[in-house]
Amino acid sequence: MVVGNFNALKAKEITSPLARNAAMKVLVSPEEGWEGYVMRVVELEVDGYSPKHEHDWPHINYVIEGSGTLLIGDTLHTLSPGSYAFVPNNTIHQFTNAGDTTLKFICIVPEEGHQ
């Protein structure tokens, strides 16, 4: 069992040259006993974005705060608090902060999708 506080976690910068102003905090993973999956929070600062990429695993996302967009395939979706998305495997996608505050969203991936 694990109980924690998001604000006590240290963010890890996403250092891909295809990302900007992006960081991640891991909440629950196999280290905490959730075998096979990782729950993390991605933070995109103003003008930030995740890499435009695709991979072999799907993921689930839920927006906590901020505003932005999510490109899935060739469709651009508007994001706001409460927005959620399922991104299928092998589908091009990218999150972008479109607001003037940090965009924070939960991202759940299979263990092999966490880097």
N, C-alpha and C. Protein backbone atom coordinates (compact mmCIF):
# COMPACT_ATOMS: atom_id res chain seq x y z
N MET A 1 0.85 -1.17 0.00
CA MET A 1 0.00 0.00 0.00
C MET A 1 0.89 1.23 0.00
N VAL A 2 0.40 2.27 -0.69
CA VAL A 2 1.14 3.53 -0.72
C VAL A 2 0.15 4.69 -0.61
N VAL A 3 0.48 5.64 0.19
CA VAL A 3 -0.27 6.89 0.29
C VAL A 3 0.76 7.99 0.28
N GLY A 4 0.59 8.97 -0.58
CA GLY A 4 1.59 10.02 -0.68
C GLY A 4 0.96 11.34 -1.04
N ASN A 5 1.81 12.31 -1.29
CA ASN A 5 1.36 13.63 -1.68
C ASN A 5 2.14 14.05 -2.92
N PHE A 6 1.42 14.40 -3.95
CA PHE A 6 2.01 14.82 -5.22
C PHE A 6 3.05 15.91 -5.03
N ASN A 7 2.77 16.87 -4.14
CA ASN A 7 3.67 18.00 -3.94
C ASN A 7 5.00 17.61 -3.31
N ALA A 8 5.07 16.44 -2.70
CA ALA A 8 6.31 15.98 -2.08
C ALA A 8 7.22 15.24 -3.07
N LEU A 9 6.71 14.95 -4.26
CA LEU A 9 7.48 14.20 -5.26
C LEU A 9 8.37 15.13 -6.07
N LYS A 10 9.53 14.63 -6.43
CA LYS A 10 10.46 15.38 -7.28
C LYS A 10 10.16 15.06 -8.75
N ALA A 11 10.04 16.10 -9.55
CA ALA A 11 9.78 15.92 -10.98
C ALA A 11 11.07 15.56 -11.71
N LYS A 12 10.92 14.72 -12.73
CA LYS A 12 12.04 14.36 -13.59
C LYS A 12 11.81 15.05 -14.93
N GLU A 13 12.77 15.86 -15.34
CA GLU A 13 12.65 16.57 -16.60
C GLU A 13 12.61 15.58 -17.77
N ILE A 14 11.73 15.83 -18.73
CA ILE A 14 11.69 15.04 -19.95
C ILE A 14 12.71 15.68 -20.89
N THR A 15 13.80 14.98 -21.13
CA THR A 15 14.96 15.57 -21.80
C THR A 15 15.00 15.32 -23.31
N SER A 16 13.97 14.75 -23.87
CA SER A 16 13.95 14.53 -25.32
C SER A 16 14.12 15.85 -26.05
N PRO A 17 14.91 15.87 -27.13
CA PRO A 17 15.03 17.10 -27.92
C PRO A 17 13.71 17.45 -28.61
N LEU A 18 12.75 16.52 -28.61
CA LEU A 18 11.44 16.76 -29.23
C LEU A 18 10.42 17.29 -28.24
N ALA A 19 10.83 17.53 -27.00
CA ALA A 19 9.94 18.06 -25.96
C ALA A 19 10.48 19.39 -25.47
N ARG A 20 9.58 20.18 -24.87
CA ARG A 20 10.01 21.45 -24.29
C ARG A 20 9.22 21.74 -23.02
N ASN A 21 9.91 22.22 -21.99
CA ASN A 21 9.26 22.61 -20.72
C ASN A 21 8.37 21.49 -20.18
N ALA A 22 8.90 20.27 -20.16
CA ALA A 22 8.12 19.10 -19.78
C ALA A 22 8.81 18.33 -18.65
N ALA A 23 8.00 17.85 -17.71
CA ALA A 23 8.53 17.05 -16.59
C ALA A 23 7.47 16.02 -16.18
N MET A 24 7.90 15.03 -15.40
CA MET A 24 7.02 13.95 -14.99
C MET A 24 7.29 13.55 -13.55
N LYS A 25 6.22 13.20 -12.84
CA LYS A 25 6.32 12.66 -11.48
C LYS A 25 5.62 11.30 -11.48
N VAL A 26 6.29 10.28 -10.94
CA VAL A 26 5.70 8.95 -10.84
C VAL A 26 4.96 8.84 -9.52
N LEU A 27 3.67 8.47 -9.58
CA LEU A 27 2.86 8.32 -8.37
C LEU A 27 2.87 6.87 -7.91
N VAL A 28 2.49 5.95 -8.81
CA VAL A 28 2.41 4.54 -8.46
C VAL A 28 2.98 3.71 -9.61
N SER A 29 3.81 2.72 -9.25
CA SER A 29 4.47 1.87 -10.25
C SER A 29 4.69 0.49 -9.64
N PRO A 30 5.35 -0.40 -10.35
CA PRO A 30 5.68 -1.69 -9.75
C PRO A 30 6.49 -1.55 -8.46
N GLU A 31 7.29 -0.49 -8.33
CA GLU A 31 8.05 -0.26 -7.09
C GLU A 31 7.13 -0.13 -5.88
N GLU A 32 5.93 0.40 -6.10
CA GLU A 32 4.97 0.56 -5.02
C GLU A 32 3.97 -0.60 -4.96
N GLY A 33 4.11 -1.56 -5.89
CA GLY A 33 3.28 -2.75 -5.85
C GLY A 33 2.24 -2.87 -6.96
N TRP A 34 2.18 -1.90 -7.88
CA TRP A 34 1.22 -2.02 -8.99
C TRP A 34 1.92 -2.69 -10.16
N GLU A 35 1.84 -4.00 -10.19
CA GLU A 35 2.55 -4.78 -11.20
C GLU A 35 2.00 -4.51 -12.60
N GLY A 36 2.90 -4.18 -13.50
CA GLY A 36 2.56 -4.06 -14.91
C GLY A 36 2.18 -2.67 -15.38
N TYR A 37 1.96 -1.72 -14.45
CA TYR A 37 1.50 -0.39 -14.85
C TYR A 37 2.23 0.71 -14.09
N VAL A 38 2.18 1.91 -14.67
CA VAL A 38 2.76 3.09 -14.02
C VAL A 38 1.76 4.23 -14.16
N MET A 39 1.49 4.88 -13.03
CA MET A 39 0.65 6.08 -13.02
C MET A 39 1.57 7.26 -12.72
N ARG A 40 1.54 8.24 -13.60
CA ARG A 40 2.42 9.38 -13.43
C ARG A 40 1.66 10.66 -13.77
N VAL A 41 2.21 11.79 -13.37
CA VAL A 41 1.64 13.07 -13.72
C VAL A 41 2.67 13.79 -14.59
N VAL A 42 2.23 14.23 -15.75
CA VAL A 42 3.07 15.00 -16.65
C VAL A 42 2.73 16.47 -16.47
N GLU A 43 3.75 17.29 -16.38
CA GLU A 43 3.58 18.73 -16.23
C GLU A 43 4.23 19.43 -17.43
N LEU A 44 3.42 20.18 -18.16
CA LEU A 44 3.92 20.96 -19.28
C LEU A 44 3.79 22.43 -18.90
N GLU A 45 4.93 23.09 -18.76
CA GLU A 45 4.92 24.51 -18.42
C GLU A 45 4.44 25.32 -19.62
N VAL A 46 4.25 26.61 -19.44
CA VAL A 46 3.82 27.49 -20.52
C VAL A 46 4.73 27.29 -21.73
N ASP A 47 4.13 27.18 -22.91
CA ASP A 47 4.84 26.92 -24.18
C ASP A 47 5.46 25.53 -24.23
N GLY A 48 5.08 24.64 -23.31
CA GLY A 48 5.66 23.30 -23.28
C GLY A 48 4.88 22.31 -24.15
N TYR A 49 5.56 21.23 -24.49
CA TYR A 49 4.92 20.16 -25.25
C TYR A 49 5.69 18.86 -25.04
N SER A 50 4.98 17.76 -25.23
CA SER A 50 5.60 16.44 -25.20
C SER A 50 6.11 16.12 -26.60
N PRO A 51 6.94 15.09 -26.74
CA PRO A 51 7.38 14.72 -28.08
C PRO A 51 6.19 14.29 -28.94
N LYS A 52 6.25 14.58 -30.22
CA LYS A 52 5.28 14.04 -31.18
C LYS A 52 5.81 12.67 -31.55
N HIS A 53 5.11 11.62 -31.13
CA HIS A 53 5.67 10.27 -31.26
C HIS A 53 4.57 9.22 -31.27
N GLU A 54 4.98 7.99 -31.47
CA GLU A 54 4.10 6.83 -31.36
C GLU A 54 4.91 5.68 -30.77
N HIS A 55 4.20 4.71 -30.20
CA HIS A 55 4.86 3.56 -29.58
C HIS A 55 3.90 2.38 -29.53
N ASP A 56 4.42 1.24 -29.09
CA ASP A 56 3.68 -0.02 -29.13
C ASP A 56 2.63 -0.20 -28.04
N TRP A 57 2.50 0.74 -27.11
CA TRP A 57 1.57 0.58 -26.00
C TRP A 57 0.57 1.74 -25.99
N PRO A 58 -0.64 1.47 -25.48
CA PRO A 58 -1.63 2.53 -25.32
C PRO A 58 -1.39 3.27 -24.01
N HIS A 59 -2.06 4.39 -23.84
CA HIS A 59 -2.09 5.02 -22.52
C HIS A 59 -3.39 5.76 -22.29
N ILE A 60 -3.67 6.01 -21.02
CA ILE A 60 -4.88 6.68 -20.58
C ILE A 60 -4.44 7.99 -19.94
N ASN A 61 -5.18 9.07 -20.21
CA ASN A 61 -4.82 10.38 -19.69
C ASN A 61 -6.04 11.08 -19.08
N TYR A 62 -5.77 11.88 -18.04
CA TYR A 62 -6.82 12.67 -17.39
C TYR A 62 -6.23 14.02 -17.01
N VAL A 63 -6.84 15.12 -17.47
CA VAL A 63 -6.31 16.46 -17.21
C VAL A 63 -6.74 16.93 -15.83
N ILE A 64 -5.75 17.31 -15.03
CA ILE A 64 -5.97 17.80 -13.67
C ILE A 64 -6.17 19.31 -13.68
N GLU A 65 -5.26 20.02 -14.37
CA GLU A 65 -5.37 21.48 -14.42
C GLU A 65 -4.69 22.01 -15.65
N GLY A 66 -5.06 23.23 -16.03
CA GLY A 66 -4.47 23.88 -17.19
C GLY A 66 -5.29 23.64 -18.44
N SER A 67 -4.77 24.15 -19.55
CA SER A 67 -5.45 23.96 -20.83
C SER A 67 -4.41 23.62 -21.88
N GLY A 68 -4.85 22.91 -22.90
CA GLY A 68 -3.92 22.51 -23.93
C GLY A 68 -4.61 21.80 -25.06
N THR A 69 -3.79 21.12 -25.84
CA THR A 69 -4.31 20.32 -26.95
C THR A 69 -3.64 18.95 -26.92
N LEU A 70 -4.33 18.00 -27.52
CA LEU A 70 -3.80 16.65 -27.71
C LEU A 70 -4.01 16.28 -29.16
N LEU A 71 -2.93 16.09 -29.86
CA LEU A 71 -2.98 15.59 -31.23
C LEU A 71 -3.01 14.07 -31.16
N ILE A 72 -4.02 13.45 -31.75
CA ILE A 72 -4.09 11.99 -31.87
C ILE A 72 -4.32 11.71 -33.35
N GLY A 73 -3.34 11.07 -33.97
CA GLY A 73 -3.41 10.86 -35.42
C GLY A 73 -3.35 12.21 -36.10
N ASP A 74 -4.40 12.55 -36.86
CA ASP A 74 -4.43 13.86 -37.52
C ASP A 74 -5.53 14.76 -36.94
N THR A 75 -6.03 14.42 -35.74
CA THR A 75 -7.09 15.21 -35.10
C THR A 75 -6.56 15.90 -33.86
N LEU A 76 -6.80 17.21 -33.77
CA LEU A 76 -6.37 18.01 -32.63
C LEU A 76 -7.56 18.20 -31.69
N HIS A 77 -7.38 17.80 -30.42
CA HIS A 77 -8.43 17.87 -29.41
C HIS A 77 -8.07 18.94 -28.38
N THR A 78 -9.06 19.72 -27.95
CA THR A 78 -8.87 20.73 -26.92
C THR A 78 -8.98 20.06 -25.55
N LEU A 79 -8.08 20.43 -24.64
CA LEU A 79 -8.05 19.86 -23.29
C LEU A 79 -8.29 20.94 -22.24
N SER A 80 -9.03 20.56 -21.20
CA SER A 80 -9.25 21.42 -20.04
C SER A 80 -9.42 20.50 -18.84
N PRO A 81 -9.43 21.05 -17.63
CA PRO A 81 -9.59 20.18 -16.45
C PRO A 81 -10.82 19.27 -16.59
N GLY A 82 -10.60 18.00 -16.34
CA GLY A 82 -11.65 17.00 -16.49
C GLY A 82 -11.63 16.26 -17.82
N SER A 83 -10.88 16.76 -18.79
CA SER A 83 -10.75 16.05 -20.07
C SER A 83 -10.03 14.73 -19.85
N TYR A 84 -10.39 13.71 -20.60
CA TYR A 84 -9.69 12.44 -20.55
C TYR A 84 -9.53 11.90 -21.95
N ALA A 85 -8.58 11.01 -22.12
CA ALA A 85 -8.30 10.45 -23.45
C ALA A 85 -7.70 9.06 -23.32
N PHE A 86 -8.02 8.23 -24.29
CA PHE A 86 -7.36 6.94 -24.48
C PHE A 86 -6.58 7.07 -25.78
N VAL A 87 -5.27 6.93 -25.70
CA VAL A 87 -4.42 7.01 -26.89
C VAL A 87 -4.04 5.58 -27.26
N PRO A 88 -4.53 5.09 -28.42
CA PRO A 88 -4.21 3.72 -28.82
C PRO A 88 -2.74 3.53 -29.13
N ASN A 89 -2.29 2.28 -29.06
CA ASN A 89 -0.91 1.98 -29.43
C ASN A 89 -0.69 2.31 -30.91
N ASN A 90 0.56 2.57 -31.25
CA ASN A 90 0.99 2.84 -32.63
C ASN A 90 0.21 3.97 -33.29
N THR A 91 -0.10 5.01 -32.50
CA THR A 91 -0.81 6.18 -33.01
C THR A 91 0.00 7.43 -32.67
N ILE A 92 0.28 8.26 -33.66
CA ILE A 92 1.00 9.52 -33.44
C ILE A 92 0.19 10.37 -32.45
N HIS A 93 0.88 10.95 -31.47
CA HIS A 93 0.21 11.82 -30.51
C HIS A 93 1.20 12.82 -29.91
N GLN A 94 0.64 13.93 -29.42
CA GLN A 94 1.45 14.98 -28.79
C GLN A 94 0.55 15.87 -27.94
N PHE A 95 1.00 16.14 -26.71
CA PHE A 95 0.34 17.09 -25.82
C PHE A 95 1.04 18.42 -25.91
N THR A 96 0.27 19.51 -25.92
CA THR A 96 0.82 20.85 -25.97
C THR A 96 0.08 21.73 -24.97
N ASN A 97 0.82 22.53 -24.22
CA ASN A 97 0.22 23.50 -23.31
C ASN A 97 -0.22 24.69 -24.15
N ALA A 98 -1.51 25.02 -24.10
CA ALA A 98 -2.04 26.14 -24.87
C ALA A 98 -2.49 27.28 -23.97
N GLY A 99 -2.12 27.23 -22.70
CA GLY A 99 -2.57 28.24 -21.75
C GLY A 99 -1.44 29.04 -21.15
N ASP A 100 -1.79 29.79 -20.11
CA ASP A 100 -0.79 30.62 -19.44
C ASP A 100 -0.45 30.11 -18.04
N THR A 101 -0.83 28.86 -17.76
CA THR A 101 -0.45 28.18 -16.53
C THR A 101 0.01 26.77 -16.89
N THR A 102 0.53 26.04 -15.93
CA THR A 102 1.01 24.68 -16.18
C THR A 102 -0.15 23.76 -16.55
N LEU A 103 0.05 22.94 -17.57
CA LEU A 103 -0.89 21.87 -17.93
C LEU A 103 -0.42 20.62 -17.19
N LYS A 104 -1.29 20.05 -16.33
CA LYS A 104 -0.95 18.83 -15.59
C LYS A 104 -1.96 17.76 -15.93
N PHE A 105 -1.45 16.57 -16.27
CA PHE A 105 -2.36 15.47 -16.56
C PHE A 105 -1.78 14.15 -16.08
N ILE A 106 -2.69 13.28 -15.67
CA ILE A 106 -2.33 11.92 -15.29
C ILE A 106 -2.11 11.12 -16.56
N CYS A 107 -1.10 10.28 -16.56
CA CYS A 107 -0.81 9.40 -17.69
C CYS A 107 -0.55 8.01 -17.12
N ILE A 108 -1.38 7.05 -17.52
CA ILE A 108 -1.19 5.66 -17.08
C ILE A 108 -0.76 4.84 -18.28
N VAL A 109 0.36 4.13 -18.11
CA VAL A 109 0.92 3.32 -19.19
C VAL A 109 1.28 1.94 -18.66
N PRO A 110 1.35 0.94 -19.55
CA PRO A 110 1.94 -0.34 -19.13
C PRO A 110 3.39 -0.10 -18.73
N GLU A 111 3.91 -0.96 -17.90
CA GLU A 111 5.27 -0.81 -17.38
C GLU A 111 6.31 -0.60 -18.48
N GLU A 112 6.17 -1.32 -19.60
CA GLU A 112 7.17 -1.16 -20.67
C GLU A 112 7.12 0.22 -21.30
N GLY A 113 6.04 0.97 -21.08
CA GLY A 113 5.92 2.30 -21.65
C GLY A 113 6.49 3.40 -20.79
N HIS A 114 6.94 3.05 -19.60
CA HIS A 114 7.51 4.08 -18.72
C HIS A 114 9.01 4.16 -18.90
N GLN A 115 9.51 5.36 -19.15
CA GLN A 115 10.93 5.53 -19.37
C GLN A 115 11.48 6.57 -18.43
